[in-house]
Amino acid sequence: MFFKKSNRVQNSIETLVGVDTCIEGDVHFSGGLRVDGAIRGNVSEPNASPGTLILSELGSIEGAVTASKIVLNGKVTGTVTAGQFIELQSKSRITGDVYYKSLEMHTGAVIEGKLVLLGDNSPE
């Protein structure tokens, strides 16, 4: 299945976690969330409002990550679930399983865990 790049990720970012910011606790977001800092807790979006999570090469998340669209270039320690699409850029490092419907993986991305394709009837 081929996608136009502009259709895969949302263009607007409503929330930014800056490079010198560390959040301890769960984060729930809608729309777009960019993480340049650190989050120690689960990151998720409500099912009713699909959004995009972008984790830069400077960012890290220790906890489960669940979102419709995910672009990773940083470090995640925990399970990652992408309801629609996930892009693993060259500096992404994941320690945990990745659940996805559509996957793009760049050379250099590292996953220490399983890749699991979600079917149409799978929970997101």
PDB file of N, CA and C in Angstrom:
ATOM      1  N   MET A   1       0.853  -1.169   0.000  1.00  0.00           N
ATOM      2  CA  MET A   1       0.000   0.000   0.000  1.00  0.00           C
ATOM      3  C   MET A   1       0.899   1.232   0.000  1.00  0.00           C
ATOM      4  N   PHE A   2       0.630   2.166  -0.914  1.00  0.00           N
ATOM      5  CA  PHE A   2       1.444   3.368  -1.022  1.00  0.00           C
ATOM      6  C   PHE A   2       0.647   4.576  -0.569  1.00  0.00           C
ATOM      7  N   PHE A   3       1.331   5.493   0.085  1.00  0.00           N
ATOM      8  CA  PHE A   3       0.707   6.711   0.584  1.00  0.00           C
ATOM      9  C   PHE A   3       1.481   7.905   0.077  1.00  0.00           C
ATOM     10  N   LYS A   4       0.788   9.006  -0.101  1.00  0.00           N
ATOM     11  CA  LYS A   4       1.472  10.266  -0.309  1.00  0.00           C
ATOM     12  C   LYS A   4       1.929  10.737   1.054  1.00  0.00           C
ATOM     13  N   LYS A   5       3.148  11.222   1.139  1.00  0.00           N
ATOM     14  CA  LYS A   5       3.714  11.584   2.435  1.00  0.00           C
ATOM     15  C   LYS A   5       2.837  12.588   3.169  1.00  0.00           C
ATOM     16  N   SER A   6       2.234  13.537   2.488  1.00  0.00           N
ATOM     17  CA  SER A   6       1.424  14.557   3.149  1.00  0.00           C
ATOM     18  C   SER A   6       0.175  13.973   3.805  1.00  0.00           C
ATOM     19  N   ASN A   7      -0.271  12.796   3.373  1.00  0.00           N
ATOM     20  CA  ASN A   7      -1.463  12.187   3.951  1.00  0.00           C
ATOM     21  C   ASN A   7      -1.166  11.391   5.214  1.00  0.00           C
ATOM     22  N   ARG A   8       0.081  11.110   5.494  1.00  0.00           N
ATOM     23  CA  ARG A   8       0.416  10.221   6.595  1.00  0.00           C
ATOM     24  C   ARG A   8       0.443  10.913   7.946  1.00  0.00           C
ATOM     25  N   VAL A   9       0.976  12.095   8.017  1.00  0.00           N
ATOM     26  CA  VAL A   9       1.099  12.761   9.307  1.00  0.00           C
ATOM     27  C   VAL A   9       0.416  14.114   9.275  1.00  0.00           C
ATOM     28  N   GLN A  10      -0.010  14.509  10.439  1.00  0.00           N
ATOM     29  CA  GLN A  10      -0.692  15.787  10.587  1.00  0.00           C
ATOM     30  C   GLN A  10       0.332  16.908  10.508  1.00  0.00           C
ATOM     31  N   ASN A  11      -0.034  18.041   9.920  1.00  0.00           N
ATOM     32  CA  ASN A  11       0.898  19.139   9.749  1.00  0.00           C
ATOM     33  C   ASN A  11       0.993  20.047  10.962  1.00  0.00           C
ATOM     34  N   SER A  12      -0.029  20.130  11.791  1.00  0.00           N
ATOM     35  CA  SER A  12       0.004  21.074  12.905  1.00  0.00           C
ATOM     36  C   SER A  12       0.346  20.369  14.213  1.00  0.00           C
ATOM     37  N   ILE A  13       1.148  21.046  15.011  1.00  0.00           N
ATOM     38  CA  ILE A  13       1.535  20.556  16.328  1.00  0.00           C
ATOM     39  C   ILE A  13       0.924  21.492  17.351  1.00  0.00           C
ATOM     40  N   GLU A  14       0.017  20.975  18.168  1.00  0.00           N
ATOM     41  CA  GLU A  14      -0.620  21.789  19.199  1.00  0.00           C
ATOM     42  C   GLU A  14       0.194  21.824  20.484  1.00  0.00           C
ATOM     43  N   THR A  15       0.985  20.764  20.737  1.00  0.00           N
ATOM     44  CA  THR A  15       1.720  20.660  21.993  1.00  0.00           C
ATOM     45  C   THR A  15       3.168  20.299  21.717  1.00  0.00           C
ATOM     46  N   LEU A  16       4.079  20.998  22.402  1.00  0.00           N
ATOM     47  CA  LEU A  16       5.510  20.739  22.276  1.00  0.00           C
ATOM     48  C   LEU A  16       6.095  20.502  23.655  1.00  0.00           C
ATOM     49  N   VAL A  17       6.802  19.395  23.805  1.00  0.00           N
ATOM     50  CA  VAL A  17       7.563  19.130  25.022  1.00  0.00           C
ATOM     51  C   VAL A  17       9.011  19.462  24.677  1.00  0.00           C
ATOM     52  N   GLY A  18       9.504  20.566  25.236  1.00  0.00           N
ATOM     53  CA  GLY A  18      10.821  21.091  24.884  1.00  0.00           C
ATOM     54  C   GLY A  18      11.967  20.209  25.331  1.00  0.00           C
ATOM     55  N   VAL A  19      13.130  20.463  24.753  1.00  0.00           N
ATOM     56  CA  VAL A  19      14.310  19.636  24.964  1.00  0.00           C
ATOM     57  C   VAL A  19      14.745  19.581  26.430  1.00  0.00           C
ATOM     58  N   ASP A  20      14.545  20.626  27.198  1.00  0.00           N
ATOM     59  CA  ASP A  20      14.940  20.646  28.607  1.00  0.00           C
ATOM     60  C   ASP A  20      13.793  20.285  29.545  1.00  0.00           C
ATOM     61  N   THR A  21      12.717  19.727  29.013  1.00  0.00           N
ATOM     62  CA  THR A  21      11.540  19.395  29.811  1.00  0.00           C
ATOM     63  C   THR A  21      11.473  17.895  30.058  1.00  0.00           C
ATOM     64  N   CYS A  22      11.152  17.522  31.307  1.00  0.00           N
ATOM     65  CA  CYS A  22      10.927  16.122  31.663  1.00  0.00           C
ATOM     66  C   CYS A  22       9.570  16.035  32.348  1.00  0.00           C
ATOM     67  N   ILE A  23       8.674  15.253  31.788  1.00  0.00           N
ATOM     68  CA  ILE A  23       7.343  15.054  32.361  1.00  0.00           C
ATOM     69  C   ILE A  23       7.311  13.679  33.006  1.00  0.00           C
ATOM     70  N   GLU A  24       6.883  13.628  34.263  1.00  0.00           N
ATOM     71  CA  GLU A  24       6.718  12.355  34.957  1.00  0.00           C
ATOM     72  C   GLU A  24       5.237  12.138  35.196  1.00  0.00           C
ATOM     73  N   GLY A  25       4.683  11.121  34.546  1.00  0.00           N
ATOM     74  CA  GLY A  25       3.259  10.840  34.617  1.00  0.00           C
ATOM     75  C   GLY A  25       2.713  10.629  33.223  1.00  0.00           C
ATOM     76  N   ASP A  26       1.502  10.121  33.152  1.00  0.00           N
ATOM     77  CA  ASP A  26       0.880   9.833  31.864  1.00  0.00           C
ATOM     78  C   ASP A  26       0.484  11.107  31.142  1.00  0.00           C
ATOM     79  N   VAL A  27       0.596  11.076  29.810  1.00  0.00           N
ATOM     80  CA  VAL A  27       0.241  12.211  28.957  1.00  0.00           C
ATOM     81  C   VAL A  27      -0.847  11.752  27.996  1.00  0.00           C
ATOM     82  N   HIS A  28      -1.959  12.496  27.959  1.00  0.00           N
ATOM     83  CA  HIS A  28      -3.047  12.248  27.011  1.00  0.00           C
ATOM     84  C   HIS A  28      -3.126  13.473  26.110  1.00  0.00           C
ATOM     85  N   PHE A  29      -3.153  13.264  24.794  1.00  0.00           N
ATOM     86  CA  PHE A  29      -3.137  14.398  23.871  1.00  0.00           C
ATOM     87  C   PHE A  29      -4.131  14.189  22.747  1.00  0.00           C
ATOM     88  N   SER A  30      -4.455  15.284  22.079  1.00  0.00           N
ATOM     89  CA  SER A  30      -5.229  15.219  20.840  1.00  0.00           C
ATOM     90  C   SER A  30      -4.567  16.168  19.861  1.00  0.00           C
ATOM     91  N   GLY A  31      -4.791  15.940  18.581  1.00  0.00           N
ATOM     92  CA  GLY A  31      -4.124  16.769  17.581  1.00  0.00           C
ATOM     93  C   GLY A  31      -2.700  16.305  17.389  1.00  0.00           C
ATOM     94  N   GLY A  32      -1.759  17.237  17.483  1.00  0.00           N
ATOM     95  CA  GLY A  32      -0.355  16.906  17.284  1.00  0.00           C
ATOM     96  C   GLY A  32       0.464  17.140  18.538  1.00  0.00           C
ATOM     97  N   LEU A  33       1.363  16.205  18.841  1.00  0.00           N
ATOM     98  CA  LEU A  33       2.274  16.313  19.979  1.00  0.00           C
ATOM     99  C   LEU A  33       3.679  16.030  19.487  1.00  0.00           C
ATOM    100  N   ARG A  34       4.595  16.975  19.736  1.00  0.00           N
ATOM    101  CA  ARG A  34       6.010  16.778  19.417  1.00  0.00           C
ATOM    102  C   ARG A  34       6.779  16.725  20.727  1.00  0.00           C
ATOM    103  N   VAL A  35       7.637  15.702  20.850  1.00  0.00           N
ATOM    104  CA  VAL A  35       8.425  15.523  22.069  1.00  0.00           C
ATOM    105  C   VAL A  35       9.904  15.649  21.716  1.00  0.00           C
ATOM    106  N   ASP A  36      10.526  16.714  22.242  1.00  0.00           N
ATOM    107  CA  ASP A  36      11.969  16.895  22.128  1.00  0.00           C
ATOM    108  C   ASP A  36      12.646  16.607  23.465  1.00  0.00           C
ATOM    109  N   GLY A  37      11.869  16.523  24.529  1.00  0.00           N
ATOM    110  CA  GLY A  37      12.374  16.267  25.875  1.00  0.00           C
ATOM    111  C   GLY A  37      12.123  14.826  26.276  1.00  0.00           C
ATOM    112  N   ALA A  38      11.802  14.626  27.566  1.00  0.00           N
ATOM    113  CA  ALA A  38      11.610  13.274  28.092  1.00  0.00           C
ATOM    114  C   ALA A  38      10.245  13.148  28.751  1.00  0.00           C
ATOM    115  N   ILE A  39       9.626  11.996  28.565  1.00  0.00           N
ATOM    116  CA  ILE A  39       8.375  11.660  29.248  1.00  0.00           C
ATOM    117  C   ILE A  39       8.580  10.317  29.927  1.00  0.00           C
ATOM    118  N   ARG A  40       8.312  10.283  31.232  1.00  0.00           N
ATOM    119  CA  ARG A  40       8.362   9.032  31.993  1.00  0.00           C
ATOM    120  C   ARG A  40       6.934   8.693  32.388  1.00  0.00           C
ATOM    121  N   GLY A  41       6.264   7.995  31.516  1.00  0.00           N
ATOM    122  CA  GLY A  41       4.864   7.647  31.693  1.00  0.00           C
ATOM    123  C   GLY A  41       4.288   7.268  30.347  1.00  0.00           C
ATOM    124  N   ASN A  42       3.064   6.809  30.340  1.00  0.00           N
ATOM    125  CA  ASN A  42       2.400   6.410  29.102  1.00  0.00           C
ATOM    126  C   ASN A  42       1.950   7.633  28.320  1.00  0.00           C
ATOM    127  N   VAL A  43       2.000   7.536  26.995  1.00  0.00           N
ATOM    128  CA  VAL A  43       1.558   8.609  26.110  1.00  0.00           C
ATOM    129  C   VAL A  43       0.455   8.043  25.232  1.00  0.00           C
ATOM    130  N   SER A  44      -0.721   8.698  25.240  1.00  0.00           N
ATOM    131  CA  SER A  44      -1.839   8.171  24.453  1.00  0.00           C
ATOM    132  C   SER A  44      -2.762   9.290  24.015  1.00  0.00           C
ATOM    133  N   GLU A  45      -3.564   8.964  23.017  1.00  0.00           N
ATOM    134  CA  GLU A  45      -4.596   9.878  22.535  1.00  0.00           C
ATOM    135  C   GLU A  45      -5.948   9.210  22.751  1.00  0.00           C
ATOM    136  N   PRO A  46      -6.995  10.000  22.973  1.00  0.00           N
ATOM    137  CA  PRO A  46      -8.338   9.408  23.058  1.00  0.00           C
ATOM    138  C   PRO A  46      -8.711   8.790  21.711  1.00  0.00           C
ATOM    139  N   ASN A  47      -9.410   7.675  21.729  1.00  0.00           N
ATOM    140  CA  ASN A  47      -9.794   6.999  20.478  1.00  0.00           C
ATOM    141  C   ASN A  47     -10.631   7.874  19.564  1.00  0.00           C
ATOM    142  N   ALA A  48     -11.414   8.781  20.128  1.00  0.00           N
ATOM    143  CA  ALA A  48     -12.325   9.598  19.322  1.00  0.00           C
ATOM    144  C   ALA A  48     -11.611  10.696  18.545  1.00  0.00           C
ATOM    145  N   SER A  49     -10.390  11.041  18.924  1.00  0.00           N
ATOM    146  CA  SER A  49      -9.708  12.151  18.248  1.00  0.00           C
ATOM    147  C   SER A  49      -8.331  11.714  17.761  1.00  0.00           C
ATOM    148  N   PRO A  50      -8.251  11.211  16.521  1.00  0.00           N
ATOM    149  CA  PRO A  50      -6.967  10.746  16.010  1.00  0.00           C
ATOM    150  C   PRO A  50      -5.953  11.883  15.945  1.00  0.00           C
ATOM    151  N   GLY A  51      -4.734  11.576  16.336  1.00  0.00           N
ATOM    152  CA  GLY A  51      -3.689  12.585  16.356  1.00  0.00           C
ATOM    153  C   GLY A  51      -2.363  12.000  15.914  1.00  0.00           C
ATOM    154  N   THR A  52      -1.338  12.847  15.984  1.00  0.00           N
ATOM    155  CA  THR A  52      -0.005  12.471  15.551  1.00  0.00           C
ATOM    156  C   THR A  52       0.989  12.725  16.670  1.00  0.00           C
ATOM    157  N   LEU A  53       1.824  11.743  16.950  1.00  0.00           N
ATOM    158  CA  LEU A  53       2.918  11.883  17.902  1.00  0.00           C
ATOM    159  C   LEU A  53       4.220  11.903  17.122  1.00  0.00           C
ATOM    160  N   ILE A  54       5.041  12.924  17.368  1.00  0.00           N
ATOM    161  CA  ILE A  54       6.364  13.014  16.762  1.00  0.00           C
ATOM    162  C   ILE A  54       7.385  13.034  17.891  1.00  0.00           C
ATOM    163  N   LEU A  55       8.308  12.085  17.880  1.00  0.00           N
ATOM    164  CA  LEU A  55       9.382  12.013  18.861  1.00  0.00           C
ATOM    165  C   LEU A  55      10.686  12.293  18.131  1.00  0.00           C
ATOM    166  N   SER A  56      11.321  13.437  18.453  1.00  0.00           N
ATOM    167  CA  SER A  56      12.548  13.817  17.756  1.00  0.00           C
ATOM    168  C   SER A  56      13.726  12.992  18.253  1.00  0.00           C
ATOM    169  N   GLU A  57      14.859  13.116  17.584  1.00  0.00           N
ATOM    170  CA  GLU A  57      16.051  12.373  17.985  1.00  0.00           C
ATOM    171  C   GLU A  57      16.553  12.800  19.361  1.00  0.00           C
ATOM    172  N   LEU A  58      16.119  13.947  19.853  1.00  0.00           N
ATOM    173  CA  LEU A  58      16.491  14.422  21.185  1.00  0.00           C
ATOM    174  C   LEU A  58      15.556  13.891  22.264  1.00  0.00           C
ATOM    175  N   GLY A  59      14.417  13.329  21.866  1.00  0.00           N
ATOM    176  CA  GLY A  59      13.373  12.947  22.806  1.00  0.00           C
ATOM    177  C   GLY A  59      13.439  11.497  23.246  1.00  0.00           C
ATOM    178  N   SER A  60      12.780  11.238  24.394  1.00  0.00           N
ATOM    179  CA  SER A  60      12.686   9.864  24.891  1.00  0.00           C
ATOM    180  C   SER A  60      11.378   9.686  25.646  1.00  0.00           C
ATOM    181  N   ILE A  61      10.855   8.472  25.581  1.00  0.00           N
ATOM    182  CA  ILE A  61       9.634   8.112  26.299  1.00  0.00           C
ATOM    183  C   ILE A  61       9.879   6.778  26.987  1.00  0.00           C
ATOM    184  N   GLU A  62       9.601   6.741  28.293  1.00  0.00           N
ATOM    185  CA  GLU A  62       9.654   5.496  29.056  1.00  0.00           C
ATOM    186  C   GLU A  62       8.225   5.162  29.458  1.00  0.00           C
ATOM    187  N   GLY A  63       7.578   4.317  28.678  1.00  0.00           N
ATOM    188  CA  GLY A  63       6.190   3.954  28.918  1.00  0.00           C
ATOM    189  C   GLY A  63       5.544   3.524  27.622  1.00  0.00           C
ATOM    190  N   ALA A  64       4.305   3.092  27.708  1.00  0.00           N
ATOM    191  CA  ALA A  64       3.561   2.662  26.523  1.00  0.00           C
ATOM    192  C   ALA A  64       3.163   3.874  25.689  1.00  0.00           C
ATOM    193  N   VAL A  65       3.221   3.725  24.378  1.00  0.00           N
ATOM    194  CA  VAL A  65       2.858   4.790  23.443  1.00  0.00           C
ATOM    195  C   VAL A  65       1.728   4.278  22.564  1.00  0.00           C
ATOM    196  N   THR A  66       0.621   5.040  22.507  1.00  0.00           N
ATOM    197  CA  THR A  66      -0.518   4.671  21.670  1.00  0.00           C
ATOM    198  C   THR A  66      -1.024   5.913  20.954  1.00  0.00           C
ATOM    199  N   ALA A  67      -1.035   5.871  19.614  1.00  0.00           N
ATOM    200  CA  ALA A  67      -1.541   6.991  18.817  1.00  0.00           C
ATOM    201  C   ALA A  67      -1.908   6.477  17.430  1.00  0.00           C
ATOM    202  N   SER A  68      -2.706   7.257  16.716  1.00  0.00           N
ATOM    203  CA  SER A  68      -3.086   6.876  15.353  1.00  0.00           C
ATOM    204  C   SER A  68      -1.886   6.908  14.421  1.00  0.00           C
ATOM    205  N   LYS A  69      -1.151   8.022  14.466  1.00  0.00           N
ATOM    206  CA  LYS A  69       0.013   8.207  13.598  1.00  0.00           C
ATOM    207  C   LYS A  69       1.206   8.546  14.474  1.00  0.00           C
ATOM    208  N   ILE A  70       2.318   7.864  14.222  1.00  0.00           N
ATOM    209  CA  ILE A  70       3.511   8.033  15.043  1.00  0.00           C
ATOM    210  C   ILE A  70       4.727   8.167  14.134  1.00  0.00           C
ATOM    211  N   VAL A  71       5.565   9.165  14.432  1.00  0.00           N
ATOM    212  CA  VAL A  71       6.851   9.331  13.765  1.00  0.00           C
ATOM    213  C   VAL A  71       7.908   9.337  14.861  1.00  0.00           C
ATOM    214  N   LEU A  72       8.808   8.343  14.838  1.00  0.00           N
ATOM    215  CA  LEU A  72       9.821   8.218  15.885  1.00  0.00           C
ATOM    216  C   LEU A  72      11.213   8.411  15.311  1.00  0.00           C
ATOM    217  N   ASN A  73      12.015   9.201  16.030  1.00  0.00           N
ATOM    218  CA  ASN A  73      13.428   9.337  15.716  1.00  0.00           C
ATOM    219  C   ASN A  73      14.237   9.378  17.006  1.00  0.00           C
ATOM    220  N   GLY A  74      13.584   9.098  18.134  1.00  0.00           N
ATOM    221  CA  GLY A  74      14.226   9.098  19.442  1.00  0.00           C
ATOM    222  C   GLY A  74      14.134   7.724  20.069  1.00  0.00           C
ATOM    223  N   LYS A  75      14.154   7.693  21.410  1.00  0.00           N
ATOM    224  CA  LYS A  75      14.205   6.427  22.144  1.00  0.00           C
ATOM    225  C   LYS A  75      12.896   6.176  22.876  1.00  0.00           C
ATOM    226  N   VAL A  76      12.345   4.968  22.705  1.00  0.00           N
ATOM    227  CA  VAL A  76      11.143   4.547  23.429  1.00  0.00           C
ATOM    228  C   VAL A  76      11.453   3.240  24.144  1.00  0.00           C
ATOM    229  N   THR A  77      11.133   3.206  25.432  1.00  0.00           N
ATOM    230  CA  THR A  77      11.222   1.977  26.210  1.00  0.00           C
ATOM    231  C   THR A  77       9.803   1.628  26.633  1.00  0.00           C
ATOM    232  N   GLY A  78       9.186   0.700  25.930  1.00  0.00           N
ATOM    233  CA  GLY A  78       7.800   0.329  26.183  1.00  0.00           C
ATOM    234  C   GLY A  78       7.117  -0.090  24.897  1.00  0.00           C
ATOM    235  N   THR A  79       5.905  -0.562  25.019  1.00  0.00           N
ATOM    236  CA  THR A  79       5.115  -0.999  23.873  1.00  0.00           C
ATOM    237  C   THR A  79       4.645   0.202  23.064  1.00  0.00           C
ATOM    238  N   VAL A  80       4.730   0.091  21.739  1.00  0.00           N
ATOM    239  CA  VAL A  80       4.285   1.149  20.831  1.00  0.00           C
ATOM    240  C   VAL A  80       3.145   0.594  19.983  1.00  0.00           C
ATOM    241  N   THR A  81       2.005   1.308  19.961  1.00  0.00           N
ATOM    242  CA  THR A  81       0.856   0.896  19.156  1.00  0.00           C
ATOM    243  C   THR A  81       0.435   2.050  18.266  1.00  0.00           C
ATOM    244  N   ALA A  82       0.508   1.831  16.951  1.00  0.00           N
ATOM    245  CA  ALA A  82       0.100   2.835  15.967  1.00  0.00           C
ATOM    246  C   ALA A  82      -1.172   2.341  15.297  1.00  0.00           C
ATOM    247  N   GLY A  83      -2.280   3.015  15.558  1.00  0.00           N
ATOM    248  CA  GLY A  83      -3.563   2.603  15.012  1.00  0.00           C
ATOM    249  C   GLY A  83      -3.647   2.696  13.505  1.00  0.00           C
ATOM    250  N   GLN A  84      -2.893   3.637  12.899  1.00  0.00           N
ATOM    251  CA  GLN A  84      -2.917   3.793  11.448  1.00  0.00           C
ATOM    252  C   GLN A  84      -1.538   3.618  10.826  1.00  0.00           C
ATOM    253  N   PHE A  85      -0.555   4.396  11.294  1.00  0.00           N
ATOM    254  CA  PHE A  85       0.728   4.480  10.602  1.00  0.00           C
ATOM    255  C   PHE A  85       1.850   4.764  11.585  1.00  0.00           C
ATOM    256  N   ILE A  86       3.009   4.139  11.360  1.00  0.00           N
ATOM    257  CA  ILE A  86       4.204   4.466  12.131  1.00  0.00           C
ATOM    258  C   ILE A  86       5.394   4.581  11.185  1.00  0.00           C
ATOM    259  N   GLU A  87       6.192   5.617  11.412  1.00  0.00           N
ATOM    260  CA  GLU A  87       7.439   5.813  10.677  1.00  0.00           C
ATOM    261  C   GLU A  87       8.580   5.763  11.684  1.00  0.00           C
ATOM    262  N   LEU A  88       9.503   4.837  11.466  1.00  0.00           N
ATOM    263  CA  LEU A  88      10.678   4.712  12.322  1.00  0.00           C
ATOM    264  C   LEU A  88      11.862   5.292  11.562  1.00  0.00           C
ATOM    265  N   GLN A  89      12.275   6.485  11.966  1.00  0.00           N
ATOM    266  CA  GLN A  89      13.372   7.152  11.282  1.00  0.00           C
ATOM    267  C   GLN A  89      14.709   6.576  11.732  1.00  0.00           C
ATOM    268  N   SER A  90      15.790   7.003  11.107  1.00  0.00           N
ATOM    269  CA  SER A  90      17.088   6.335  11.238  1.00  0.00           C
ATOM    270  C   SER A  90      17.666   6.312  12.647  1.00  0.00           C
ATOM    271  N   LYS A  91      17.307   7.255  13.501  1.00  0.00           N
ATOM    272  CA  LYS A  91      17.869   7.282  14.856  1.00  0.00           C
ATOM    273  C   LYS A  91      16.895   6.759  15.907  1.00  0.00           C
ATOM    274  N   SER A  92      15.803   6.160  15.469  1.00  0.00           N
ATOM    275  CA  SER A  92      14.833   5.637  16.442  1.00  0.00           C
ATOM    276  C   SER A  92      15.362   4.354  17.079  1.00  0.00           C
ATOM    277  N   ARG A  93      15.100   4.235  18.383  1.00  0.00           N
ATOM    278  CA  ARG A  93      15.489   3.066  19.169  1.00  0.00           C
ATOM    279  C   ARG A  93      14.291   2.664  20.015  1.00  0.00           C
ATOM    280  N   ILE A  94      13.786   1.460  19.812  1.00  0.00           N
ATOM    281  CA  ILE A  94      12.626   0.991  20.566  1.00  0.00           C
ATOM    282  C   ILE A  94      13.006  -0.287  21.301  1.00  0.00           C
ATOM    283  N   THR A  95      12.772  -0.280  22.608  1.00  0.00           N
ATOM    284  CA  THR A  95      12.911  -1.485  23.414  1.00  0.00           C
ATOM    285  C   THR A  95      11.503  -1.866  23.840  1.00  0.00           C
ATOM    286  N   GLY A  96      10.896  -2.763  23.090  1.00  0.00           N
ATOM    287  CA  GLY A  96       9.509  -3.154  23.317  1.00  0.00           C
ATOM    288  C   GLY A  96       8.869  -3.553  22.006  1.00  0.00           C
ATOM    289  N   ASP A  97       7.679  -4.090  22.093  1.00  0.00           N
ATOM    290  CA  ASP A  97       6.964  -4.541  20.902  1.00  0.00           C
ATOM    291  C   ASP A  97       6.303  -3.372  20.189  1.00  0.00           C
ATOM    292  N   VAL A  98       6.175  -3.499  18.854  1.00  0.00           N
ATOM    293  CA  VAL A  98       5.557  -2.470  18.021  1.00  0.00           C
ATOM    294  C   VAL A  98       4.356  -3.082  17.306  1.00  0.00           C
ATOM    295  N   TYR A  99       3.177  -2.503  17.525  1.00  0.00           N
ATOM    296  CA  TYR A  99       1.934  -2.918  16.874  1.00  0.00           C
ATOM    297  C   TYR A  99       1.565  -1.838  15.865  1.00  0.00           C
ATOM    298  N   TYR A 100       1.254  -2.234  14.638  1.00  0.00           N
ATOM    299  CA  TYR A 100       1.049  -1.242  13.581  1.00  0.00           C
ATOM    300  C   TYR A 100       0.086  -1.768  12.522  1.00  0.00           C
ATOM    301  N   LYS A 101      -0.483  -0.841  11.749  1.00  0.00           N
ATOM    302  CA  LYS A 101      -1.254  -1.201  10.554  1.00  0.00           C
ATOM    303  C   LYS A 101      -0.437  -0.920   9.302  1.00  0.00           C
ATOM    304  N   SER A 102       0.354   0.158   9.326  1.00  0.00           N
ATOM    305  CA  SER A 102       1.223   0.515   8.216  1.00  0.00           C
ATOM    306  C   SER A 102       2.552   0.974   8.802  1.00  0.00           C
ATOM    307  N   LEU A 103       3.657   0.483   8.239  1.00  0.00           N
ATOM    308  CA  LEU A 103       4.980   0.728   8.807  1.00  0.00           C
ATOM    309  C   LEU A 103       5.940   1.208   7.733  1.00  0.00           C
ATOM    310  N   GLU A 104       6.708   2.246   8.073  1.00  0.00           N
ATOM    311  CA  GLU A 104       7.838   2.668   7.246  1.00  0.00           C
ATOM    312  C   GLU A 104       9.054   2.692   8.163  1.00  0.00           C
ATOM    313  N   MET A 105      10.085   1.939   7.799  1.00  0.00           N
ATOM    314  CA  MET A 105      11.273   1.835   8.649  1.00  0.00           C
ATOM    315  C   MET A 105      12.505   2.231   7.858  1.00  0.00           C
ATOM    316  N   HIS A 106      13.227   3.219   8.369  1.00  0.00           N
ATOM    317  CA  HIS A 106      14.425   3.709   7.704  1.00  0.00           C
ATOM    318  C   HIS A 106      15.643   2.893   8.140  1.00  0.00           C
ATOM    319  N   THR A 107      16.673   2.891   7.303  1.00  0.00           N
ATOM    320  CA  THR A 107      17.928   2.242   7.638  1.00  0.00           C
ATOM    321  C   THR A 107      18.511   2.882   8.888  1.00  0.00           C
ATOM    322  N   GLY A 108      18.902   2.063   9.845  1.00  0.00           N
ATOM    323  CA  GLY A 108      19.477   2.561  11.091  1.00  0.00           C
ATOM    324  C   GLY A 108      18.533   2.464  12.273  1.00  0.00           C
ATOM    325  N   ALA A 109      17.244   2.360  12.023  1.00  0.00           N
ATOM    326  CA  ALA A 109      16.269   2.217  13.112  1.00  0.00           C
ATOM    327  C   ALA A 109      16.473   0.863  13.790  1.00  0.00           C
ATOM    328  N   VAL A 110      16.322   0.844  15.126  1.00  0.00           N
ATOM    329  CA  VAL A 110      16.557  -0.377  15.893  1.00  0.00           C
ATOM    330  C   VAL A 110      15.325  -0.702  16.728  1.00  0.00           C
ATOM    331  N   ILE A 111      14.896  -1.969  16.663  1.00  0.00           N
ATOM    332  CA  ILE A 111      13.790  -2.451  17.493  1.00  0.00           C
ATOM    333  C   ILE A 111      14.273  -3.682  18.246  1.00  0.00           C
ATOM    334  N   GLU A 112      14.186  -3.621  19.574  1.00  0.00           N
ATOM    335  CA  GLU A 112      14.461  -4.788  20.406  1.00  0.00           C
ATOM    336  C   GLU A 112      13.113  -5.274  20.921  1.00  0.00           C
ATOM    337  N   GLY A 113      12.430  -6.041  20.102  1.00  0.00           N
ATOM    338  CA  GLY A 113      11.087  -6.511  20.406  1.00  0.00           C
ATOM    339  C   GLY A 113      10.463  -7.063  19.143  1.00  0.00           C
ATOM    340  N   LYS A 114       9.160  -7.299  19.194  1.00  0.00           N
ATOM    341  CA  LYS A 114       8.441  -7.877  18.059  1.00  0.00           C
ATOM    342  C   LYS A 114       7.756  -6.786  17.248  1.00  0.00           C
ATOM    343  N   LEU A 115       7.641  -7.028  15.951  1.00  0.00           N
ATOM    344  CA  LEU A 115       6.789  -6.235  15.066  1.00  0.00           C
ATOM    345  C   LEU A 115       5.521  -7.042  14.848  1.00  0.00           C
ATOM    346  N   VAL A 116       4.358  -6.445  15.163  1.00  0.00           N
ATOM    347  CA  VAL A 116       3.090  -7.159  15.059  1.00  0.00           C
ATOM    348  C   VAL A 116       2.137  -6.347  14.191  1.00  0.00           C
ATOM    349  N   LEU A 117       1.710  -6.935  13.073  1.00  0.00           N
ATOM    350  CA  LEU A 117       0.756  -6.288  12.176  1.00  0.00           C
ATOM    351  C   LEU A 117      -0.641  -6.395  12.760  1.00  0.00           C
ATOM    352  N   LEU A 118      -1.310  -5.251  12.892  1.00  0.00           N
ATOM    353  CA  LEU A 118      -2.689  -5.232  13.385  1.00  0.00           C
ATOM    354  C   LEU A 118      -3.635  -5.512  12.232  1.00  0.00           C
ATOM    355  N   GLY A 119      -4.598  -6.397  12.441  1.00  0.00           N
ATOM    356  CA  GLY A 119      -5.618  -6.657  11.437  1.00  0.00           C
ATOM    357  C   GLY A 119      -6.749  -5.664  11.571  1.00  0.00           C
ATOM    358  N   ASP A 120      -7.719  -5.750  10.683  1.00  0.00           N
ATOM    359  CA  ASP A 120      -8.864  -4.839  10.716  1.00  0.00           C
ATOM    360  C   ASP A 120      -9.696  -4.999  11.978  1.00  0.00           C
ATOM    361  N   ASN A 121      -9.678  -6.176  12.594  1.00  0.00           N
ATOM    362  CA  ASN A 121     -10.470  -6.426  13.797  1.00  0.00           C
ATOM    363  C   ASN A 121      -9.662  -6.320  15.085  1.00  0.00           C
ATOM    364  N   SER A 122      -8.389  -5.907  14.976  1.00  0.00           N
ATOM    365  CA  SER A 122      -7.533  -5.817  16.159  1.00  0.00           C
ATOM    366  C   SER A 122      -7.861  -4.580  16.973  1.00  0.00           C
ATOM    367  N   PRO A 123      -7.755  -4.663  18.298  1.00  0.00           N
ATOM    368  CA  PRO A 123      -7.951  -3.468  19.124  1.00  0.00           C
ATOM    369  C   PRO A 123      -6.794  -2.511  18.939  1.00  0.00           C
ATOM    370  N   GLU A 124      -7.069  -1.212  18.993  1.00  0.00           N
ATOM    371  CA  GLU A 124      -6.020  -0.200  18.829  1.00  0.00           C
ATOM    372  C   GLU A 124      -5.614   0.327  20.168  1.00  0.00           C
TER     373      GLU A 124
END
